[in-house]
Amino acid sequence: MQNYQDELTEASKIIQKKIAETEKKIGDTTLQAQNEFSKTFEEMSRAVMSRATAEIEFGVRLTQRLSEAHSLPDVVSAYQEWLGQEMSARSEDARQFMTSSQKFIAASTRLFSNGWSNVGSSAH
């Protein structure tokens, strides 16, 4: 009977160790994903602030050009320049959005494929 009790105690210790290892792997994987998400959010935040600054600069330049305009062609030229900058900025915004989205998808994919599969394989 004592031998059976010793085996149960040893099995319990092994299971507790495996659970602790699995919890650590889950924690490490979660922390890694959080860090990647956080870094991506910071990059997106910097890009938004940069875009806001550029928008203000575009507006100031447009206002200056319009105040200096002496003819209708000058006004049209100022708006054409502004519109070209806006279209270019929107294109860059879309590119950055797609890049950030891809980073989120990649981090999520790693989290749910590698991270969780590694956790599951440690229990075997």
PDB file of N, CA and C in Angstrom:
ATOM      1  N   MET A   1       0.817  -1.195   0.000  1.00  0.00           N
ATOM      2  CA  MET A   1       0.000   0.000   0.000  1.00  0.00           C
ATOM      3  C   MET A   1       0.856   1.252   0.000  1.00  0.00           C
ATOM      4  N   GLN A   2       1.964   1.211   0.766  1.00  0.00           N
ATOM      5  CA  GLN A   2       2.857   2.377   0.809  1.00  0.00           C
ATOM      6  C   GLN A   2       3.465   2.629  -0.564  1.00  0.00           C
ATOM      7  N   ASN A   3       3.806   1.567  -1.299  1.00  0.00           N
ATOM      8  CA  ASN A   3       4.371   1.699  -2.630  1.00  0.00           C
ATOM      9  C   ASN A   3       3.383   2.413  -3.562  1.00  0.00           C
ATOM     10  N   TYR A   4       2.120   2.055  -3.475  1.00  0.00           N
ATOM     11  CA  TYR A   4       1.067   2.700  -4.279  1.00  0.00           C
ATOM     12  C   TYR A   4       0.977   4.191  -3.933  1.00  0.00           C
ATOM     13  N   GLN A   5       1.031   4.501  -2.653  1.00  0.00           N
ATOM     14  CA  GLN A   5       0.961   5.900  -2.188  1.00  0.00           C
ATOM     15  C   GLN A   5       2.175   6.675  -2.694  1.00  0.00           C
ATOM     16  N   ASP A   6       3.355   6.076  -2.676  1.00  0.00           N
ATOM     17  CA  ASP A   6       4.570   6.723  -3.175  1.00  0.00           C
ATOM     18  C   ASP A   6       4.454   6.997  -4.665  1.00  0.00           C
ATOM     19  N   GLU A   7       3.908   6.030  -5.404  1.00  0.00           N
ATOM     20  CA  GLU A   7       3.723   6.215  -6.845  1.00  0.00           C
ATOM     21  C   GLU A   7       2.752   7.359  -7.134  1.00  0.00           C
ATOM     22  N   LEU A   8       1.676   7.429  -6.348  1.00  0.00           N
ATOM     23  CA  LEU A   8       0.712   8.534  -6.519  1.00  0.00           C
ATOM     24  C   LEU A   8       1.366   9.876  -6.215  1.00  0.00           C
ATOM     25  N   THR A   9       2.157   9.923  -5.165  1.00  0.00           N
ATOM     26  CA  THR A   9       2.850  11.159  -4.797  1.00  0.00           C
ATOM     27  C   THR A   9       3.811  11.573  -5.903  1.00  0.00           C
ATOM     28  N   GLU A  10       4.560  10.618  -6.430  1.00  0.00           N
ATOM     29  CA  GLU A  10       5.515  10.911  -7.513  1.00  0.00           C
ATOM     30  C   GLU A  10       4.776  11.365  -8.772  1.00  0.00           C
ATOM     31  N   ALA A  11       3.692  10.698  -9.113  1.00  0.00           N
ATOM     32  CA  ALA A  11       2.895  11.087 -10.283  1.00  0.00           C
ATOM     33  C   ALA A  11       2.327  12.492 -10.095  1.00  0.00           C
ATOM     34  N   SER A  12       1.881  12.789  -8.904  1.00  0.00           N
ATOM     35  CA  SER A  12       1.345  14.117  -8.599  1.00  0.00           C
ATOM     36  C   SER A  12       2.418  15.185  -8.779  1.00  0.00           C
ATOM     37  N   LYS A  13       3.632  14.909  -8.331  1.00  0.00           N
ATOM     38  CA  LYS A  13       4.744  15.860  -8.490  1.00  0.00           C
ATOM     39  C   LYS A  13       5.055  16.080  -9.970  1.00  0.00           C
ATOM     40  N   ILE A  14       5.062  14.995 -10.727  1.00  0.00           N
ATOM     41  CA  ILE A  14       5.338  15.102 -12.167  1.00  0.00           C
ATOM     42  C   ILE A  14       4.266  15.931 -12.856  1.00  0.00           C
ATOM     43  N   ILE A  15       3.017  15.680 -12.507  1.00  0.00           N
ATOM     44  CA  ILE A  15       1.907  16.429 -13.112  1.00  0.00           C
ATOM     45  C   ILE A  15       1.999  17.898 -12.732  1.00  0.00           C
ATOM     46  N   GLN A  16       2.286  18.186 -11.474  1.00  0.00           N
ATOM     47  CA  GLN A  16       2.417  19.582 -11.047  1.00  0.00           C
ATOM     48  C   GLN A  16       3.550  20.285 -11.788  1.00  0.00           C
ATOM     49  N   LYS A  17       4.657  19.563 -11.989  1.00  0.00           N
ATOM     50  CA  LYS A  17       5.787  20.133 -12.727  1.00  0.00           C
ATOM     51  C   LYS A  17       5.387  20.422 -14.172  1.00  0.00           C
ATOM     52  N   LYS A  18       4.688  19.492 -14.800  1.00  0.00           N
ATOM     53  CA  LYS A  18       4.232  19.682 -16.181  1.00  0.00           C
ATOM     54  C   LYS A  18       3.261  20.868 -16.279  1.00  0.00           C
ATOM     55  N   ILE A  19       2.377  20.971 -15.306  1.00  0.00           N
ATOM     56  CA  ILE A  19       1.424  22.096 -15.296  1.00  0.00           C
ATOM     57  C   ILE A  19       2.183  23.415 -15.162  1.00  0.00           C
ATOM     58  N   ALA A  20       3.171  23.452 -14.280  1.00  0.00           N
ATOM     59  CA  ALA A  20       3.957  24.674 -14.088  1.00  0.00           C
ATOM     60  C   ALA A  20       4.715  25.034 -15.370  1.00  0.00           C
ATOM     61  N   GLU A  21       5.286  24.028 -16.040  1.00  0.00           N
ATOM     62  CA  GLU A  21       5.997  24.275 -17.300  1.00  0.00           C
ATOM     63  C   GLU A  21       5.040  24.808 -18.369  1.00  0.00           C
ATOM     64  N   THR A  22       3.867  24.209 -18.432  1.00  0.00           N
ATOM     65  CA  THR A  22       2.866  24.637 -19.405  1.00  0.00           C
ATOM     66  C   THR A  22       2.409  26.066 -19.117  1.00  0.00           C
ATOM     67  N   GLU A  23       2.165  26.378 -17.852  1.00  0.00           N
ATOM     68  CA  GLU A  23       1.772  27.735 -17.484  1.00  0.00           C
ATOM     69  C   GLU A  23       2.853  28.737 -17.859  1.00  0.00           C
ATOM     70  N   LYS A  24       4.118  28.384 -17.654  1.00  0.00           N
ATOM     71  CA  LYS A  24       5.219  29.272 -18.012  1.00  0.00           C
ATOM     72  C   LYS A  24       5.252  29.491 -19.516  1.00  0.00           C
ATOM     73  N   LYS A  25       5.082  28.419 -20.281  1.00  0.00           N
ATOM     74  CA  LYS A  25       5.088  28.558 -21.743  1.00  0.00           C
ATOM     75  C   LYS A  25       3.925  29.430 -22.211  1.00  0.00           C
ATOM     76  N   ILE A  26       2.766  29.258 -21.622  1.00  0.00           N
ATOM     77  CA  ILE A  26       1.608  30.091 -21.973  1.00  0.00           C
ATOM     78  C   ILE A  26       1.915  31.548 -21.637  1.00  0.00           C
ATOM     79  N   GLY A  27       2.471  31.773 -20.459  1.00  0.00           N
ATOM     80  CA  GLY A  27       2.819  33.131 -20.043  1.00  0.00           C
ATOM     81  C   GLY A  27       3.849  33.761 -20.957  1.00  0.00           C
ATOM     82  N   ASP A  28       4.891  32.999 -21.316  1.00  0.00           N
ATOM     83  CA  ASP A  28       5.932  33.514 -22.211  1.00  0.00           C
ATOM     84  C   ASP A  28       5.363  33.846 -23.588  1.00  0.00           C
ATOM     85  N   THR A  29       4.527  32.955 -24.104  1.00  0.00           N
ATOM     86  CA  THR A  29       3.921  33.166 -25.419  1.00  0.00           C
ATOM     87  C   THR A  29       2.999  34.375 -25.400  1.00  0.00           C
ATOM     88  N   THR A  30       2.219  34.501 -24.352  1.00  0.00           N
ATOM     89  CA  THR A  30       1.308  35.636 -24.219  1.00  0.00           C
ATOM     90  C   THR A  30       2.090  36.936 -24.110  1.00  0.00           C
ATOM     91  N   LEU A  31       3.148  36.946 -23.323  1.00  0.00           N
ATOM     92  CA  LEU A  31       3.978  38.136 -23.165  1.00  0.00           C
ATOM     93  C   LEU A  31       4.608  38.536 -24.491  1.00  0.00           C
ATOM     94  N   GLN A  32       5.093  37.551 -25.232  1.00  0.00           N
ATOM     95  CA  GLN A  32       5.696  37.834 -26.539  1.00  0.00           C
ATOM     96  C   GLN A  32       4.658  38.466 -27.469  1.00  0.00           C
ATOM     97  N   ALA A  33       3.464  37.912 -27.505  1.00  0.00           N
ATOM     98  CA  ALA A  33       2.407  38.460 -28.362  1.00  0.00           C
ATOM     99  C   ALA A  33       2.037  39.867 -27.914  1.00  0.00           C
ATOM    100  N   GLN A  34       1.922  40.080 -26.608  1.00  0.00           N
ATOM    101  CA  GLN A  34       1.599  41.415 -26.104  1.00  0.00           C
ATOM    102  C   GLN A  34       2.677  42.421 -26.500  1.00  0.00           C
ATOM    103  N   ASN A  35       3.935  42.013 -26.412  1.00  0.00           N
ATOM    104  CA  ASN A  35       5.026  42.910 -26.802  1.00  0.00           C
ATOM    105  C   ASN A  35       4.953  43.261 -28.284  1.00  0.00           C
ATOM    106  N   GLU A  36       4.666  42.265 -29.117  1.00  0.00           N
ATOM    107  CA  GLU A  36       4.553  42.518 -30.548  1.00  0.00           C
ATOM    108  C   GLU A  36       3.363  43.429 -30.851  1.00  0.00           C
ATOM    109  N   PHE A  37       2.233  43.175 -30.195  1.00  0.00           N
ATOM    110  CA  PHE A  37       1.057  44.024 -30.392  1.00  0.00           C
ATOM    111  C   PHE A  37       1.356  45.449 -29.924  1.00  0.00           C
ATOM    112  N   SER A  38       2.009  45.573 -28.781  1.00  0.00           N
ATOM    113  CA  SER A  38       2.331  46.885 -28.227  1.00  0.00           C
ATOM    114  C   SER A  38       3.260  47.659 -29.168  1.00  0.00           C
ATOM    115  N   LYS A  39       4.267  46.967 -29.687  1.00  0.00           N
ATOM    116  CA  LYS A  39       5.197  47.612 -30.612  1.00  0.00           C
ATOM    117  C   LYS A  39       4.468  48.092 -31.871  1.00  0.00           C
ATOM    118  N   THR A  40       3.577  47.277 -32.371  1.00  0.00           N
ATOM    119  CA  THR A  40       2.811  47.655 -33.562  1.00  0.00           C
ATOM    120  C   THR A  40       1.914  48.853 -33.264  1.00  0.00           C
ATOM    121  N   PHE A  41       1.264  48.854 -32.084  1.00  0.00           N
ATOM    122  CA  PHE A  41       0.433  50.002 -31.707  1.00  0.00           C
ATOM    123  C   PHE A  41       1.274  51.271 -31.611  1.00  0.00           C
ATOM    124  N   GLU A  42       2.473  51.172 -31.052  1.00  0.00           N
ATOM    125  CA  GLU A  42       3.353  52.341 -30.950  1.00  0.00           C
ATOM    126  C   GLU A  42       3.722  52.860 -32.331  1.00  0.00           C
ATOM    127  N   GLU A  43       4.046  51.957 -33.247  1.00  0.00           N
ATOM    128  CA  GLU A  43       4.369  52.357 -34.612  1.00  0.00           C
ATOM    129  C   GLU A  43       3.176  53.049 -35.267  1.00  0.00           C
ATOM    130  N   MET A  44       1.986  52.475 -35.055  1.00  0.00           N
ATOM    131  CA  MET A  44       0.780  53.070 -35.629  1.00  0.00           C
ATOM    132  C   MET A  44       0.529  54.454 -35.022  1.00  0.00           C
ATOM    133  N   SER A  45       0.751  54.600 -33.739  1.00  0.00           N
ATOM    134  CA  SER A  45       0.555  55.879 -33.068  1.00  0.00           C
ATOM    135  C   SER A  45       1.512  56.931 -33.623  1.00  0.00           C
ATOM    136  N   ARG A  46       2.769  56.557 -33.795  1.00  0.00           N
ATOM    137  CA  ARG A  46       3.739  57.491 -34.376  1.00  0.00           C
ATOM    138  C   ARG A  46       3.327  57.883 -35.787  1.00  0.00           C
ATOM    139  N   ALA A  47       2.850  56.918 -36.551  1.00  0.00           N
ATOM    140  CA  ALA A  47       2.419  57.210 -37.921  1.00  0.00           C
ATOM    141  C   ALA A  47       1.226  58.168 -37.923  1.00  0.00           C
ATOM    142  N   VAL A  48       0.301  57.978 -37.004  1.00  0.00           N
ATOM    143  CA  VAL A  48      -0.875  58.858 -36.920  1.00  0.00           C
ATOM    144  C   VAL A  48      -0.438  60.275 -36.559  1.00  0.00           C
ATOM    145  N   MET A  49       0.454  60.392 -35.594  1.00  0.00           N
ATOM    146  CA  MET A  49       0.936  61.723 -35.204  1.00  0.00           C
ATOM    147  C   MET A  49       1.698  62.383 -36.349  1.00  0.00           C
ATOM    148  N   SER A  50       2.476  61.606 -37.052  1.00  0.00           N
ATOM    149  CA  SER A  50       3.209  62.127 -38.202  1.00  0.00           C
ATOM    150  C   SER A  50       2.244  62.616 -39.275  1.00  0.00           C
ATOM    151  N   ARG A  51       1.189  61.821 -39.514  1.00  0.00           N
ATOM    152  CA  ARG A  51       0.175  62.210 -40.507  1.00  0.00           C
ATOM    153  C   ARG A  51      -0.536  63.485 -40.075  1.00  0.00           C
ATOM    154  N   ALA A  52      -0.849  63.611 -38.803  1.00  0.00           N
ATOM    155  CA  ALA A  52      -1.533  64.812 -38.304  1.00  0.00           C
ATOM    156  C   ALA A  52      -0.653  66.042 -38.515  1.00  0.00           C
ATOM    157  N   THR A  53       0.630  65.901 -38.238  1.00  0.00           N
ATOM    158  CA  THR A  53       1.562  67.011 -38.445  1.00  0.00           C
ATOM    159  C   THR A  53       1.638  67.368 -39.923  1.00  0.00           C
ATOM    160  N   ALA A  54       1.721  66.371 -40.766  1.00  0.00           N
ATOM    161  CA  ALA A  54       1.779  66.615 -42.215  1.00  0.00           C
ATOM    162  C   ALA A  54       0.505  67.298 -42.700  1.00  0.00           C
ATOM    163  N   GLU A  55      -0.644  66.883 -42.163  1.00  0.00           N
ATOM    164  CA  GLU A  55      -1.918  67.513 -42.551  1.00  0.00           C
ATOM    165  C   GLU A  55      -1.916  68.995 -42.220  1.00  0.00           C
ATOM    166  N   ILE A  56      -1.408  69.332 -41.046  1.00  0.00           N
ATOM    167  CA  ILE A  56      -1.340  70.741 -40.641  1.00  0.00           C
ATOM    168  C   ILE A  56      -0.425  71.502 -41.596  1.00  0.00           C
ATOM    169  N   GLU A  57       0.726  70.903 -41.911  1.00  0.00           N
ATOM    170  CA  GLU A  57       1.672  71.547 -42.831  1.00  0.00           C
ATOM    171  C   GLU A  57       1.051  71.732 -44.215  1.00  0.00           C
ATOM    172  N   PHE A  58       0.326  70.721 -44.709  1.00  0.00           N
ATOM    173  CA  PHE A  58      -0.355  70.845 -46.009  1.00  0.00           C
ATOM    174  C   PHE A  58      -1.336  72.009 -45.982  1.00  0.00           C
ATOM    175  N   GLY A  59      -2.104  72.081 -44.897  1.00  0.00           N
ATOM    176  CA  GLY A  59      -3.100  73.150 -44.761  1.00  0.00           C
ATOM    177  C   GLY A  59      -2.466  74.522 -44.712  1.00  0.00           C
ATOM    178  N   VAL A  60      -1.367  74.648 -43.975  1.00  0.00           N
ATOM    179  CA  VAL A  60      -0.666  75.933 -43.882  1.00  0.00           C
ATOM    180  C   VAL A  60      -0.128  76.332 -45.253  1.00  0.00           C
ATOM    181  N   ARG A  61       0.496  75.385 -45.954  1.00  0.00           N
ATOM    182  CA  ARG A  61       1.021  75.690 -47.294  1.00  0.00           C
ATOM    183  C   ARG A  61      -0.090  76.100 -48.255  1.00  0.00           C
ATOM    184  N   LEU A  62      -1.219  75.381 -48.180  1.00  0.00           N
ATOM    185  CA  LEU A  62      -2.345  75.724 -49.056  1.00  0.00           C
ATOM    186  C   LEU A  62      -2.839  77.137 -48.748  1.00  0.00           C
ATOM    187  N   THR A  63      -2.977  77.435 -47.469  1.00  0.00           N
ATOM    188  CA  THR A  63      -3.433  78.775 -47.080  1.00  0.00           C
ATOM    189  C   THR A  63      -2.460  79.851 -47.566  1.00  0.00           C
ATOM    190  N   GLN A  64      -1.176  79.601 -47.419  1.00  0.00           N
ATOM    191  CA  GLN A  64      -0.165  80.564 -47.887  1.00  0.00           C
ATOM    192  C   GLN A  64      -0.262  80.759 -49.397  1.00  0.00           C
ATOM    193  N   ARG A  65      -0.342  79.633 -50.113  1.00  0.00           N
ATOM    194  CA  ARG A  65      -0.422  79.726 -51.585  1.00  0.00           C
ATOM    195  C   ARG A  65      -1.687  80.463 -52.024  1.00  0.00           C
ATOM    196  N   LEU A  66      -2.802  80.195 -51.336  1.00  0.00           N
ATOM    197  CA  LEU A  66      -4.051  80.862 -51.704  1.00  0.00           C
ATOM    198  C   LEU A  66      -3.990  82.362 -51.395  1.00  0.00           C
ATOM    199  N   SER A  67      -3.354  82.719 -50.289  1.00  0.00           N
ATOM    200  CA  SER A  67      -3.260  84.151 -49.947  1.00  0.00           C
ATOM    201  C   SER A  67      -2.318  84.889 -50.892  1.00  0.00           C
ATOM    202  N   GLU A  68      -1.373  84.158 -51.486  1.00  0.00           N
ATOM    203  CA  GLU A  68      -0.437  84.768 -52.438  1.00  0.00           C
ATOM    204  C   GLU A  68      -0.961  84.736 -53.871  1.00  0.00           C
ATOM    205  N   ALA A  69      -2.043  84.028 -54.094  1.00  0.00           N
ATOM    206  CA  ALA A  69      -2.583  83.870 -55.455  1.00  0.00           C
ATOM    207  C   ALA A  69      -3.082  85.213 -55.990  1.00  0.00           C
ATOM    208  N   HIS A  70      -2.741  85.469 -57.268  1.00  0.00           N
ATOM    209  CA  HIS A  70      -3.164  86.707 -57.921  1.00  0.00           C
ATOM    210  C   HIS A  70      -4.143  86.444 -59.054  1.00  0.00           C
ATOM    211  N   SER A  71      -4.354  85.145 -59.318  1.00  0.00           N
ATOM    212  CA  SER A  71      -5.246  84.812 -60.430  1.00  0.00           C
ATOM    213  C   SER A  71      -5.893  83.457 -60.176  1.00  0.00           C
ATOM    214  N   LEU A  72      -6.892  83.182 -60.989  1.00  0.00           N
ATOM    215  CA  LEU A  72      -7.560  81.886 -60.887  1.00  0.00           C
ATOM    216  C   LEU A  72      -6.596  80.731 -61.156  1.00  0.00           C
ATOM    217  N   PRO A  73      -5.709  80.823 -62.159  1.00  0.00           N
ATOM    218  CA  PRO A  73      -4.741  79.730 -62.354  1.00  0.00           C
ATOM    219  C   PRO A  73      -3.846  79.496 -61.133  1.00  0.00           C
ATOM    220  N   ASP A  74      -3.503  80.573 -60.387  1.00  0.00           N
ATOM    221  CA  ASP A  74      -2.702  80.412 -59.168  1.00  0.00           C
ATOM    222  C   ASP A  74      -3.486  79.612 -58.116  1.00  0.00           C
ATOM    223  N   VAL A  75      -4.776  79.915 -58.006  1.00  0.00           N
ATOM    224  CA  VAL A  75      -5.638  79.208 -57.056  1.00  0.00           C
ATOM    225  C   VAL A  75      -5.757  77.741 -57.448  1.00  0.00           C
ATOM    226  N   VAL A  76      -5.997  77.495 -58.731  1.00  0.00           N
ATOM    227  CA  VAL A  76      -6.122  76.118 -59.223  1.00  0.00           C
ATOM    228  C   VAL A  76      -4.817  75.359 -58.995  1.00  0.00           C
ATOM    229  N   SER A  77      -3.694  76.001 -59.266  1.00  0.00           N
ATOM    230  CA  SER A  77      -2.392  75.363 -59.064  1.00  0.00           C
ATOM    231  C   SER A  77      -2.186  75.009 -57.587  1.00  0.00           C
ATOM    232  N   ALA A  78      -2.568  75.922 -56.684  1.00  0.00           N
ATOM    233  CA  ALA A  78      -2.419  75.660 -55.244  1.00  0.00           C
ATOM    234  C   ALA A  78      -3.269  74.456 -54.835  1.00  0.00           C
ATOM    235  N   TYR A  79      -4.503  74.404 -55.312  1.00  0.00           N
ATOM    236  CA  TYR A  79      -5.371  73.267 -54.966  1.00  0.00           C
ATOM    237  C   TYR A  79      -4.875  71.966 -55.596  1.00  0.00           C
ATOM    238  N   GLN A  80      -4.337  72.052 -56.816  1.00  0.00           N
ATOM    239  CA  GLN A  80      -3.811  70.844 -57.457  1.00  0.00           C
ATOM    240  C   GLN A  80      -2.627  70.286 -56.665  1.00  0.00           C
ATOM    241  N   GLU A  81      -1.756  71.168 -56.218  1.00  0.00           N
ATOM    242  CA  GLU A  81      -0.608  70.725 -55.419  1.00  0.00           C
ATOM    243  C   GLU A  81      -1.099  70.077 -54.112  1.00  0.00           C
ATOM    244  N   TRP A  82      -2.040  70.739 -53.466  1.00  0.00           N
ATOM    245  CA  TRP A  82      -2.585  70.223 -52.213  1.00  0.00           C
ATOM    246  C   TRP A  82      -3.253  68.860 -52.426  1.00  0.00           C
ATOM    247  N   LEU A  83      -4.055  68.753 -53.487  1.00  0.00           N
ATOM    248  CA  LEU A  83      -4.745  67.500 -53.785  1.00  0.00           C
ATOM    249  C   LEU A  83      -3.752  66.377 -54.073  1.00  0.00           C
ATOM    250  N   GLY A  84      -2.693  66.682 -54.814  1.00  0.00           N
ATOM    251  CA  GLY A  84      -1.659  65.678 -55.100  1.00  0.00           C
ATOM    252  C   GLY A  84      -1.007  65.179 -53.813  1.00  0.00           C
ATOM    253  N   GLN A  85      -0.721  66.108 -52.901  1.00  0.00           N
ATOM    254  CA  GLN A  85      -0.125  65.717 -51.619  1.00  0.00           C
ATOM    255  C   GLN A  85      -1.101  64.872 -50.798  1.00  0.00           C
ATOM    256  N   GLU A  86      -2.359  65.258 -50.807  1.00  0.00           N
ATOM    257  CA  GLU A  86      -3.380  64.508 -50.070  1.00  0.00           C
ATOM    258  C   GLU A  86      -3.539  63.093 -50.628  1.00  0.00           C
ATOM    259  N   MET A  87      -3.561  62.970 -51.936  1.00  0.00           N
ATOM    260  CA  MET A  87      -3.710  61.645 -52.551  1.00  0.00           C
ATOM    261  C   MET A  87      -2.501  60.772 -52.227  1.00  0.00           C
ATOM    262  N   SER A  88      -1.318  61.365 -52.290  1.00  0.00           N
ATOM    263  CA  SER A  88      -0.106  60.620 -51.949  1.00  0.00           C
ATOM    264  C   SER A  88      -0.131  60.192 -50.478  1.00  0.00           C
ATOM    265  N   ALA A  89      -0.585  61.095 -49.615  1.00  0.00           N
ATOM    266  CA  ALA A  89      -0.665  60.785 -48.185  1.00  0.00           C
ATOM    267  C   ALA A  89      -1.668  59.665 -47.931  1.00  0.00           C
ATOM    268  N   ARG A  90      -2.809  59.688 -48.600  1.00  0.00           N
ATOM    269  CA  ARG A  90      -3.812  58.631 -48.421  1.00  0.00           C
ATOM    270  C   ARG A  90      -3.260  57.287 -48.883  1.00  0.00           C
ATOM    271  N   SER A  91      -2.513  57.301 -49.966  1.00  0.00           N
ATOM    272  CA  SER A  91      -1.902  56.063 -50.459  1.00  0.00           C
ATOM    273  C   SER A  91      -0.917  55.511 -49.425  1.00  0.00           C
ATOM    274  N   GLU A  92      -0.113  56.390 -48.845  1.00  0.00           N
ATOM    275  CA  GLU A  92       0.841  55.971 -47.818  1.00  0.00           C
ATOM    276  C   GLU A  92       0.109  55.479 -46.570  1.00  0.00           C
ATOM    277  N   ASP A  93      -0.982  56.155 -46.203  1.00  0.00           N
ATOM    278  CA  ASP A  93      -1.784  55.712 -45.052  1.00  0.00           C
ATOM    279  C   ASP A  93      -2.307  54.293 -45.272  1.00  0.00           C
ATOM    280  N   ALA A  94      -2.791  54.031 -46.472  1.00  0.00           N
ATOM    281  CA  ALA A  94      -3.322  52.697 -46.788  1.00  0.00           C
ATOM    282  C   ALA A  94      -2.205  51.651 -46.717  1.00  0.00           C
ATOM    283  N   ARG A  95      -1.034  52.000 -47.234  1.00  0.00           N
ATOM    284  CA  ARG A  95       0.108  51.078 -47.196  1.00  0.00           C
ATOM    285  C   ARG A  95       0.494  50.775 -45.751  1.00  0.00           C
ATOM    286  N   GLN A  96       0.568  51.812 -44.926  1.00  0.00           N
ATOM    287  CA  GLN A  96       0.929  51.603 -43.522  1.00  0.00           C
ATOM    288  C   GLN A  96      -0.127  50.790 -42.792  1.00  0.00           C
ATOM    289  N   PHE A  97      -1.390  51.029 -43.090  1.00  0.00           N
ATOM    290  CA  PHE A  97      -2.463  50.257 -42.474  1.00  0.00           C
ATOM    291  C   PHE A  97      -2.337  48.780 -42.829  1.00  0.00           C
ATOM    292  N   MET A  98      -2.062  48.494 -44.094  1.00  0.00           N
ATOM    293  CA  MET A  98      -1.912  47.104 -44.528  1.00  0.00           C
ATOM    294  C   MET A  98      -0.699  46.449 -43.855  1.00  0.00           C
ATOM    295  N   THR A  99       0.397  47.187 -43.744  1.00  0.00           N
ATOM    296  CA  THR A  99       1.590  46.658 -43.089  1.00  0.00           C
ATOM    297  C   THR A  99       1.297  46.340 -41.619  1.00  0.00           C
ATOM    298  N   SER A 100       0.625  47.261 -40.934  1.00  0.00           N
ATOM    299  CA  SER A 100       0.279  47.038 -39.526  1.00  0.00           C
ATOM    300  C   SER A 100      -0.680  45.865 -39.378  1.00  0.00           C
ATOM    301  N   SER A 101      -1.637  45.768 -40.279  1.00  0.00           N
ATOM    302  CA  SER A 101      -2.583  44.650 -40.230  1.00  0.00           C
ATOM    303  C   SER A 101      -1.862  43.322 -40.417  1.00  0.00           C
ATOM    304  N   GLN A 102      -0.914  43.292 -41.337  1.00  0.00           N
ATOM    305  CA  GLN A 102      -0.140  42.071 -41.555  1.00  0.00           C
ATOM    306  C   GLN A 102       0.664  41.692 -40.313  1.00  0.00           C
ATOM    307  N   LYS A 103       1.209  42.701 -39.612  1.00  0.00           N
ATOM    308  CA  LYS A 103       1.961  42.420 -38.386  1.00  0.00           C
ATOM    309  C   LYS A 103       1.050  41.811 -37.329  1.00  0.00           C
ATOM    310  N   PHE A 104      -0.163  42.358 -37.196  1.00  0.00           N
ATOM    311  CA  PHE A 104      -1.109  41.803 -36.225  1.00  0.00           C
ATOM    312  C   PHE A 104      -1.487  40.373 -36.589  1.00  0.00           C
ATOM    313  N   ILE A 105      -1.735  40.136 -37.857  1.00  0.00           N
ATOM    314  CA  ILE A 105      -2.120  38.793 -38.298  1.00  0.00           C
ATOM    315  C   ILE A 105      -0.968  37.819 -38.069  1.00  0.00           C
ATOM    316  N   ALA A 106       0.249  38.243 -38.394  1.00  0.00           N
ATOM    317  CA  ALA A 106       1.413  37.373 -38.192  1.00  0.00           C
ATOM    318  C   ALA A 106       1.610  37.047 -36.718  1.00  0.00           C
ATOM    319  N   ALA A 107       1.489  38.069 -35.858  1.00  0.00           N
ATOM    320  CA  ALA A 107       1.649  37.825 -34.415  1.00  0.00           C
ATOM    321  C   ALA A 107       0.553  36.902 -33.899  1.00  0.00           C
ATOM    322  N   SER A 108      -0.663  37.119 -34.363  1.00  0.00           N
ATOM    323  CA  SER A 108      -1.780  36.265 -33.929  1.00  0.00           C
ATOM    324  C   SER A 108      -1.581  34.841 -34.408  1.00  0.00           C
ATOM    325  N   THR A 109      -1.135  34.690 -35.631  1.00  0.00           N
ATOM    326  CA  THR A 109      -0.902  33.361 -36.184  1.00  0.00           C
ATOM    327  C   THR A 109       0.176  32.632 -35.389  1.00  0.00           C
ATOM    328  N   ARG A 110       1.268  33.347 -35.074  1.00  0.00           N
ATOM    329  CA  ARG A 110       2.329  32.721 -34.269  1.00  0.00           C
ATOM    330  C   ARG A 110       1.801  32.336 -32.890  1.00  0.00           C
ATOM    331  N   LEU A 111       1.015  33.220 -32.308  1.00  0.00           N
ATOM    332  CA  LEU A 111       0.479  32.942 -30.979  1.00  0.00           C
ATOM    333  C   LEU A 111      -0.377  31.690 -30.991  1.00  0.00           C
ATOM    334  N   PHE A 112      -1.276  31.590 -31.956  1.00  0.00           N
ATOM    335  CA  PHE A 112      -2.217  30.477 -31.945  1.00  0.00           C
ATOM    336  C   PHE A 112      -1.676  29.208 -32.588  1.00  0.00           C
ATOM    337  N   SER A 113      -0.667  29.328 -33.445  1.00  0.00           N
ATOM    338  CA  SER A 113      -0.130  28.098 -34.025  1.00  0.00           C
ATOM    339  C   SER A 113       1.077  27.618 -33.236  1.00  0.00           C
ATOM    340  N   ASN A 114       2.160  28.340 -33.266  1.00  0.00           N
ATOM    341  CA  ASN A 114       3.377  27.910 -32.570  1.00  0.00           C
ATOM    342  C   ASN A 114       3.210  27.910 -31.067  1.00  0.00           C
ATOM    343  N   GLY A 115       2.740  29.009 -30.535  1.00  0.00           N
ATOM    344  CA  GLY A 115       2.635  29.134 -29.078  1.00  0.00           C
ATOM    345  C   GLY A 115       1.763  28.073 -28.461  1.00  0.00           C
ATOM    346  N   TRP A 116       0.533  27.954 -28.940  1.00  0.00           N
ATOM    347  CA  TRP A 116      -0.383  27.002 -28.319  1.00  0.00           C
ATOM    348  C   TRP A 116      -0.024  25.561 -28.657  1.00  0.00           C
ATOM    349  N   SER A 117       0.514  25.319 -29.859  1.00  0.00           N
ATOM    350  CA  SER A 117       0.879  23.943 -30.179  1.00  0.00           C
ATOM    351  C   SER A 117       2.084  23.509 -29.345  1.00  0.00           C
ATOM    352  N   ASN A 118       3.012  24.460 -29.081  1.00  0.00           N
ATOM    353  CA  ASN A 118       4.145  24.133 -28.215  1.00  0.00           C
ATOM    354  C   ASN A 118       3.673  23.827 -26.804  1.00  0.00           C
ATOM    355  N   VAL A 119       2.696  24.572 -26.351  1.00  0.00           N
ATOM    356  CA  VAL A 119       2.142  24.333 -25.009  1.00  0.00           C
ATOM    357  C   VAL A 119       1.510  22.954 -24.951  1.00  0.00           C
ATOM    358  N   GLY A 120       0.747  22.630 -25.968  1.00  0.00           N
ATOM    359  CA  GLY A 120       0.070  21.327 -25.993  1.00  0.00           C
ATOM    360  C   GLY A 120       1.054  20.182 -26.093  1.00  0.00           C
ATOM    361  N   SER A 121       2.141  20.368 -26.838  1.00  0.00           N
ATOM    362  CA  SER A 121       3.095  19.273 -27.014  1.00  0.00           C
ATOM    363  C   SER A 121       3.911  19.027 -25.754  1.00  0.00           C
ATOM    364  N   SER A 122       3.978  20.036 -24.848  1.00  0.00           N
ATOM    365  CA  SER A 122       4.756  19.806 -23.631  1.00  0.00           C
ATOM    366  C   SER A 122       4.036  18.900 -22.654  1.00  0.00           C
ATOM    367  N   ALA A 123       2.751  18.720 -22.829  1.00  0.00           N
ATOM    368  CA  ALA A 123       2.005  17.878 -21.889  1.00  0.00           C
ATOM    369  C   ALA A 123       2.162  16.396 -22.213  1.00  0.00           C
ATOM    370  N   HIS A 124       2.749  16.079 -23.356  1.00  0.00           N
ATOM    371  CA  HIS A 124       2.888  14.662 -23.752  1.00  0.00           C
ATOM    372  C   HIS A 124       4.061  14.013 -23.111  1.00  0.00           C
TER     373      HIS A 124
END
